[in-house]
Amino acid sequence: MEAEHPALCSRNVVRAILYVNFFLFGLFVIPITHHWIDHGFLALRSINLEDVVGQSLQMWLVGSTITATALFGFIGWKTRAIDMPAGSHKFEAILLLSWWIIVIGTCIYAFALGMGG
């Protein structure tokens, strides 16, 4: 039985992390799902879990972004070590770049809203 190479396994992990992040971002941005999230947090407030869930979500988004970036660097390093073509992880690069653009754009937008008074 042939074992999967660690760099190829890391590609799947990076994709999964980024898909989850895009899904969570969509939940908070799409108006209908944002309404559902608000109701969920109101229900969590009654049992004093709103802060715990909110902080866990923040830690997930920061930690998963850093983890996905580090794993992508690992993929690039391993790809070069085993002489795979560089274009073999182009999809992960596009996903990660898109996620970073969304993160930076959201931070800029939040900063602009905060500066509005």
N, C-alpha and C. Protein backbone atom coordinates (compact mmCIF):
# COMPACT_ATOMS: atom_id res chain seq x y z
N MET A 1 0.85 -1.16 0.00
CA MET A 1 0.00 0.00 0.00
C MET A 1 0.91 1.24 0.00
N GLU A 2 0.59 2.18 -0.83
CA GLU A 2 1.40 3.38 -0.97
C GLU A 2 0.91 4.47 -0.02
N ALA A 3 1.81 5.01 0.78
CA ALA A 3 1.46 6.06 1.74
C ALA A 3 1.47 7.42 1.03
N GLU A 4 0.58 8.29 1.46
CA GLU A 4 0.51 9.63 0.89
C GLU A 4 1.65 10.47 1.45
N HIS A 5 2.24 11.28 0.60
CA HIS A 5 3.36 12.13 1.01
C HIS A 5 2.86 13.21 1.96
N PRO A 6 3.66 13.59 2.99
CA PRO A 6 3.23 14.60 3.96
C PRO A 6 2.84 15.94 3.32
N ALA A 7 3.53 16.33 2.25
CA ALA A 7 3.19 17.60 1.60
C ALA A 7 1.81 17.52 0.96
N LEU A 8 1.45 16.35 0.42
CA LEU A 8 0.13 16.19 -0.19
C LEU A 8 -0.96 16.16 0.88
N CYS A 9 -0.67 15.54 2.01
CA CYS A 9 -1.61 15.52 3.12
C CYS A 9 -1.81 16.94 3.65
N SER A 10 -0.72 17.72 3.72
CA SER A 10 -0.80 19.10 4.18
C SER A 10 -1.66 19.94 3.25
N ARG A 11 -1.62 19.64 1.95
CA ARG A 11 -2.46 20.38 1.00
C ARG A 11 -3.93 20.21 1.36
N ASN A 12 -4.33 18.99 1.70
CA ASN A 12 -5.73 18.74 2.07
C ASN A 12 -6.09 19.47 3.36
N VAL A 13 -5.16 19.53 4.31
CA VAL A 13 -5.41 20.23 5.57
C VAL A 13 -5.56 21.73 5.32
N VAL A 14 -4.70 22.29 4.48
CA VAL A 14 -4.79 23.72 4.15
C VAL A 14 -6.12 24.02 3.49
N ARG A 15 -6.51 23.19 2.54
CA ARG A 15 -7.81 23.39 1.87
C ARG A 15 -8.96 23.33 2.86
N ALA A 16 -8.94 22.34 3.75
CA ALA A 16 -10.02 22.19 4.72
C ALA A 16 -10.10 23.39 5.65
N ILE A 17 -8.96 23.86 6.13
CA ILE A 17 -8.94 25.03 7.02
C ILE A 17 -9.51 26.24 6.30
N LEU A 18 -9.08 26.46 5.07
CA LEU A 18 -9.54 27.64 4.34
C LEU A 18 -11.02 27.54 3.97
N TYR A 19 -11.48 26.34 3.64
CA TYR A 19 -12.92 26.17 3.36
C TYR A 19 -13.75 26.51 4.60
N VAL A 20 -13.32 26.04 5.76
CA VAL A 20 -14.03 26.35 7.00
C VAL A 20 -14.03 27.86 7.26
N ASN A 21 -12.88 28.50 7.04
CA ASN A 21 -12.79 29.94 7.26
C ASN A 21 -13.70 30.71 6.31
N PHE A 22 -13.73 30.32 5.04
CA PHE A 22 -14.62 30.99 4.09
C PHE A 22 -16.08 30.78 4.48
N PHE A 23 -16.41 29.57 4.96
CA PHE A 23 -17.78 29.29 5.39
C PHE A 23 -18.17 30.16 6.58
N LEU A 24 -17.29 30.25 7.57
CA LEU A 24 -17.58 31.08 8.75
C LEU A 24 -17.70 32.55 8.37
N PHE A 25 -16.82 33.01 7.49
CA PHE A 25 -16.89 34.40 7.04
C PHE A 25 -18.23 34.66 6.33
N GLY A 26 -18.64 33.70 5.51
CA GLY A 26 -19.92 33.84 4.81
C GLY A 26 -21.09 33.88 5.78
N LEU A 27 -21.02 33.09 6.86
CA LEU A 27 -22.09 33.11 7.85
C LEU A 27 -22.25 34.49 8.47
N PHE A 28 -21.16 35.19 8.67
CA PHE A 28 -21.23 36.50 9.31
C PHE A 28 -21.50 37.64 8.34
N VAL A 29 -21.31 37.41 7.05
CA VAL A 29 -21.47 38.49 6.07
C VAL A 29 -22.82 38.45 5.36
N ILE A 30 -23.31 37.28 5.04
CA ILE A 30 -24.59 37.15 4.34
C ILE A 30 -25.70 37.55 5.30
N PRO A 31 -26.57 38.50 4.91
CA PRO A 31 -27.58 39.03 5.85
C PRO A 31 -28.47 37.98 6.50
N ILE A 32 -28.96 37.01 5.74
CA ILE A 32 -29.88 36.02 6.31
C ILE A 32 -29.16 35.17 7.36
N THR A 33 -27.97 34.69 7.03
CA THR A 33 -27.24 33.85 7.98
C THR A 33 -26.72 34.66 9.16
N HIS A 34 -26.41 35.93 8.92
CA HIS A 34 -25.98 36.79 10.02
C HIS A 34 -27.11 36.93 11.05
N HIS A 35 -28.34 36.98 10.58
CA HIS A 35 -29.51 37.04 11.46
C HIS A 35 -29.59 35.77 12.31
N TRP A 36 -29.32 34.62 11.70
CA TRP A 36 -29.32 33.35 12.43
C TRP A 36 -28.21 33.34 13.49
N ILE A 37 -27.05 33.86 13.13
CA ILE A 37 -25.93 33.92 14.07
C ILE A 37 -26.28 34.81 15.26
N ASP A 38 -26.92 35.95 14.98
CA ASP A 38 -27.35 36.84 16.06
C ASP A 38 -28.29 36.14 17.03
N HIS A 39 -29.25 35.39 16.49
CA HIS A 39 -30.16 34.64 17.36
C HIS A 39 -29.41 33.58 18.16
N GLY A 40 -28.44 32.94 17.54
CA GLY A 40 -27.64 31.94 18.25
C GLY A 40 -26.86 32.56 19.40
N PHE A 41 -26.27 33.74 19.17
CA PHE A 41 -25.53 34.39 20.24
C PHE A 41 -26.46 34.90 21.34
N LEU A 42 -27.67 35.31 20.98
CA LEU A 42 -28.63 35.71 22.00
C LEU A 42 -29.03 34.52 22.87
N ALA A 43 -29.17 33.35 22.25
CA ALA A 43 -29.48 32.14 23.02
C ALA A 43 -28.31 31.76 23.92
N LEU A 44 -27.09 31.95 23.42
CA LEU A 44 -25.91 31.64 24.23
C LEU A 44 -25.74 32.61 25.39
N ARG A 45 -26.23 33.83 25.21
CA ARG A 45 -26.13 34.83 26.28
C ARG A 45 -26.92 34.38 27.51
N SER A 46 -28.06 33.72 27.28
CA SER A 46 -28.89 33.31 28.41
C SER A 46 -28.22 32.24 29.27
N ILE A 47 -27.28 31.50 28.70
CA ILE A 47 -26.57 30.48 29.49
C ILE A 47 -25.10 30.87 29.71
N ASN A 48 -24.80 32.15 29.52
CA ASN A 48 -23.47 32.72 29.78
C ASN A 48 -22.34 32.07 28.97
N LEU A 49 -22.63 31.73 27.72
CA LEU A 49 -21.60 31.17 26.86
C LEU A 49 -21.26 32.07 25.67
N GLU A 50 -21.87 33.23 25.59
CA GLU A 50 -21.66 34.12 24.45
C GLU A 50 -20.20 34.54 24.35
N ASP A 51 -19.60 34.95 25.46
CA ASP A 51 -18.21 35.40 25.43
C ASP A 51 -17.25 34.26 25.11
N VAL A 52 -17.51 33.09 25.66
CA VAL A 52 -16.63 31.94 25.42
C VAL A 52 -16.65 31.56 23.94
N VAL A 53 -17.82 31.50 23.36
CA VAL A 53 -17.94 31.13 21.95
C VAL A 53 -17.34 32.22 21.06
N GLY A 54 -17.59 33.47 21.38
CA GLY A 54 -17.03 34.57 20.60
C GLY A 54 -15.51 34.60 20.64
N GLN A 55 -14.93 34.39 21.81
CA GLN A 55 -13.47 34.37 21.93
C GLN A 55 -12.88 33.14 21.25
N SER A 56 -13.57 32.01 21.34
CA SER A 56 -13.09 30.80 20.66
C SER A 56 -13.10 30.99 19.16
N LEU A 57 -14.12 31.65 18.65
CA LEU A 57 -14.20 31.92 17.22
C LEU A 57 -13.06 32.84 16.78
N GLN A 58 -12.77 33.85 17.57
CA GLN A 58 -11.66 34.75 17.25
C GLN A 58 -10.33 34.00 17.26
N MET A 59 -10.13 33.16 18.27
CA MET A 59 -8.89 32.39 18.35
C MET A 59 -8.77 31.42 17.18
N TRP A 60 -9.90 30.81 16.77
CA TRP A 60 -9.89 29.91 15.62
C TRP A 60 -9.46 30.65 14.36
N LEU A 61 -10.06 31.81 14.12
CA LEU A 61 -9.75 32.54 12.88
C LEU A 61 -8.29 32.97 12.84
N VAL A 62 -7.75 33.45 13.94
CA VAL A 62 -6.34 33.86 13.96
C VAL A 62 -5.43 32.63 13.88
N GLY A 63 -5.70 31.64 14.71
CA GLY A 63 -4.86 30.44 14.73
C GLY A 63 -4.90 29.66 13.43
N SER A 64 -6.08 29.52 12.85
CA SER A 64 -6.18 28.76 11.61
C SER A 64 -5.53 29.48 10.44
N THR A 65 -5.59 30.82 10.44
CA THR A 65 -4.93 31.58 9.38
C THR A 65 -3.41 31.41 9.48
N ILE A 66 -2.89 31.49 10.68
CA ILE A 66 -1.45 31.31 10.88
C ILE A 66 -1.05 29.87 10.55
N THR A 67 -1.86 28.90 10.96
CA THR A 67 -1.57 27.50 10.69
C THR A 67 -1.60 27.21 9.19
N ALA A 68 -2.61 27.73 8.49
CA ALA A 68 -2.70 27.50 7.05
C ALA A 68 -1.52 28.12 6.32
N THR A 69 -1.10 29.29 6.76
CA THR A 69 0.06 29.95 6.13
C THR A 69 1.33 29.14 6.39
N ALA A 70 1.51 28.67 7.62
CA ALA A 70 2.70 27.87 7.94
C ALA A 70 2.69 26.55 7.18
N LEU A 71 1.54 25.90 7.08
CA LEU A 71 1.45 24.65 6.33
C LEU A 71 1.73 24.88 4.85
N PHE A 72 1.26 26.02 4.32
CA PHE A 72 1.54 26.31 2.92
C PHE A 72 3.04 26.51 2.70
N GLY A 73 3.71 27.15 3.65
CA GLY A 73 5.16 27.27 3.57
C GLY A 73 5.83 25.90 3.62
N PHE A 74 5.31 25.02 4.47
CA PHE A 74 5.82 23.64 4.56
C PHE A 74 5.63 22.92 3.23
N ILE A 75 4.48 23.11 2.61
CA ILE A 75 4.20 22.49 1.31
C ILE A 75 5.22 22.96 0.28
N GLY A 76 5.45 24.28 0.24
CA GLY A 76 6.42 24.81 -0.71
C GLY A 76 7.82 24.28 -0.47
N TRP A 77 8.19 24.15 0.79
CA TRP A 77 9.51 23.63 1.13
C TRP A 77 9.64 22.16 0.75
N LYS A 78 8.62 21.36 1.07
CA LYS A 78 8.65 19.93 0.73
C LYS A 78 8.55 19.71 -0.78
N THR A 79 7.79 20.54 -1.46
CA THR A 79 7.65 20.41 -2.91
C THR A 79 9.00 20.63 -3.59
N ARG A 80 9.73 21.62 -3.10
CA ARG A 80 11.05 21.88 -3.67
C ARG A 80 12.01 20.75 -3.34
N ALA A 81 11.87 20.15 -2.17
CA ALA A 81 12.77 19.07 -1.75
C ALA A 81 12.56 17.79 -2.56
N ILE A 82 11.33 17.53 -3.02
CA ILE A 82 11.08 16.29 -3.77
C ILE A 82 10.95 16.55 -5.27
N ASP A 83 11.27 17.76 -5.69
CA ASP A 83 11.30 18.13 -7.11
C ASP A 83 9.94 17.99 -7.79
N MET A 84 8.87 18.35 -7.09
CA MET A 84 7.55 18.42 -7.73
C MET A 84 7.44 19.78 -8.42
N PRO A 85 6.62 19.87 -9.47
CA PRO A 85 6.47 21.17 -10.12
C PRO A 85 5.81 22.18 -9.19
N ALA A 86 6.26 23.44 -9.28
CA ALA A 86 5.75 24.49 -8.39
C ALA A 86 4.27 24.77 -8.63
N GLY A 87 3.79 24.54 -9.83
CA GLY A 87 2.39 24.81 -10.13
C GLY A 87 1.44 23.80 -9.54
N SER A 88 1.96 22.75 -8.89
CA SER A 88 1.09 21.70 -8.36
C SER A 88 0.31 22.18 -7.15
N HIS A 89 0.71 23.26 -6.52
CA HIS A 89 -0.03 23.79 -5.38
C HIS A 89 -0.55 25.20 -5.65
N LYS A 90 -0.87 25.45 -6.91
CA LYS A 90 -1.38 26.76 -7.30
C LYS A 90 -2.76 27.03 -6.68
N PHE A 91 -3.61 26.02 -6.61
CA PHE A 91 -4.96 26.21 -6.06
C PHE A 91 -4.90 26.62 -4.60
N GLU A 92 -4.04 25.97 -3.82
CA GLU A 92 -3.89 26.34 -2.42
C GLU A 92 -3.35 27.76 -2.28
N ALA A 93 -2.44 28.14 -3.18
CA ALA A 93 -1.89 29.49 -3.15
C ALA A 93 -2.98 30.52 -3.43
N ILE A 94 -3.86 30.24 -4.37
CA ILE A 94 -4.95 31.16 -4.69
C ILE A 94 -5.93 31.25 -3.52
N LEU A 95 -6.26 30.11 -2.93
CA LEU A 95 -7.15 30.11 -1.76
C LEU A 95 -6.57 30.91 -0.61
N LEU A 96 -5.29 30.68 -0.31
CA LEU A 96 -4.65 31.36 0.81
C LEU A 96 -4.53 32.86 0.54
N LEU A 97 -4.16 33.23 -0.68
CA LEU A 97 -4.07 34.65 -1.03
C LEU A 97 -5.44 35.31 -0.93
N SER A 98 -6.47 34.63 -1.41
CA SER A 98 -7.83 35.17 -1.30
C SER A 98 -8.23 35.37 0.15
N TRP A 99 -7.91 34.40 1.01
CA TRP A 99 -8.25 34.52 2.42
C TRP A 99 -7.51 35.69 3.06
N TRP A 100 -6.22 35.84 2.76
CA TRP A 100 -5.46 36.96 3.32
C TRP A 100 -6.00 38.30 2.83
N ILE A 101 -6.42 38.38 1.58
CA ILE A 101 -7.02 39.62 1.06
C ILE A 101 -8.30 39.94 1.81
N ILE A 102 -9.12 38.92 2.07
CA ILE A 102 -10.36 39.12 2.82
C ILE A 102 -10.06 39.57 4.24
N VAL A 103 -9.08 38.93 4.89
CA VAL A 103 -8.73 39.29 6.27
C VAL A 103 -8.23 40.74 6.34
N ILE A 104 -7.32 41.09 5.47
CA ILE A 104 -6.77 42.45 5.48
C ILE A 104 -7.83 43.47 5.10
N GLY A 105 -8.66 43.14 4.11
CA GLY A 105 -9.75 44.05 3.71
C GLY A 105 -10.75 44.26 4.83
N THR A 106 -11.07 43.20 5.56
CA THR A 106 -11.99 43.31 6.68
C THR A 106 -11.39 44.17 7.80
N CYS A 107 -10.12 43.99 8.06
CA CYS A 107 -9.45 44.82 9.08
C CYS A 107 -9.44 46.29 8.67
N ILE A 108 -9.17 46.57 7.41
CA ILE A 108 -9.18 47.95 6.93
C ILE A 108 -10.59 48.54 7.03
N TYR A 109 -11.59 47.75 6.66
CA TYR A 109 -12.97 48.21 6.75
C TYR A 109 -13.36 48.50 8.20
N ALA A 110 -12.99 47.61 9.11
CA ALA A 110 -13.30 47.82 10.53
C ALA A 110 -12.58 49.04 11.07
N PHE A 111 -11.34 49.27 10.64
CA PHE A 111 -10.60 50.45 11.07
C PHE A 111 -11.27 51.71 10.54
N ALA A 112 -11.71 51.67 9.29
CA ALA A 112 -12.38 52.84 8.71
C ALA A 112 -13.70 53.14 9.44
N LEU A 113 -14.45 52.09 9.81
CA LEU A 113 -15.68 52.30 10.57
C LEU A 113 -15.38 52.89 11.94
N GLY A 114 -14.33 52.43 12.56
CA GLY A 114 -13.95 52.93 13.88
C GLY A 114 -13.49 54.38 13.84
N MET A 115 -12.89 54.77 12.75
CA MET A 115 -12.41 56.16 12.63
C MET A 115 -13.55 57.11 12.28
N GLY A 116 -14.70 56.57 11.91
CA GLY A 116 -15.83 57.42 11.53
C GLY A 116 -16.47 58.14 12.70
N GLY A 117 -16.19 57.73 13.89
CA GLY A 117 -16.71 58.41 15.07
C GLY A 117 -17.81 57.66 15.63
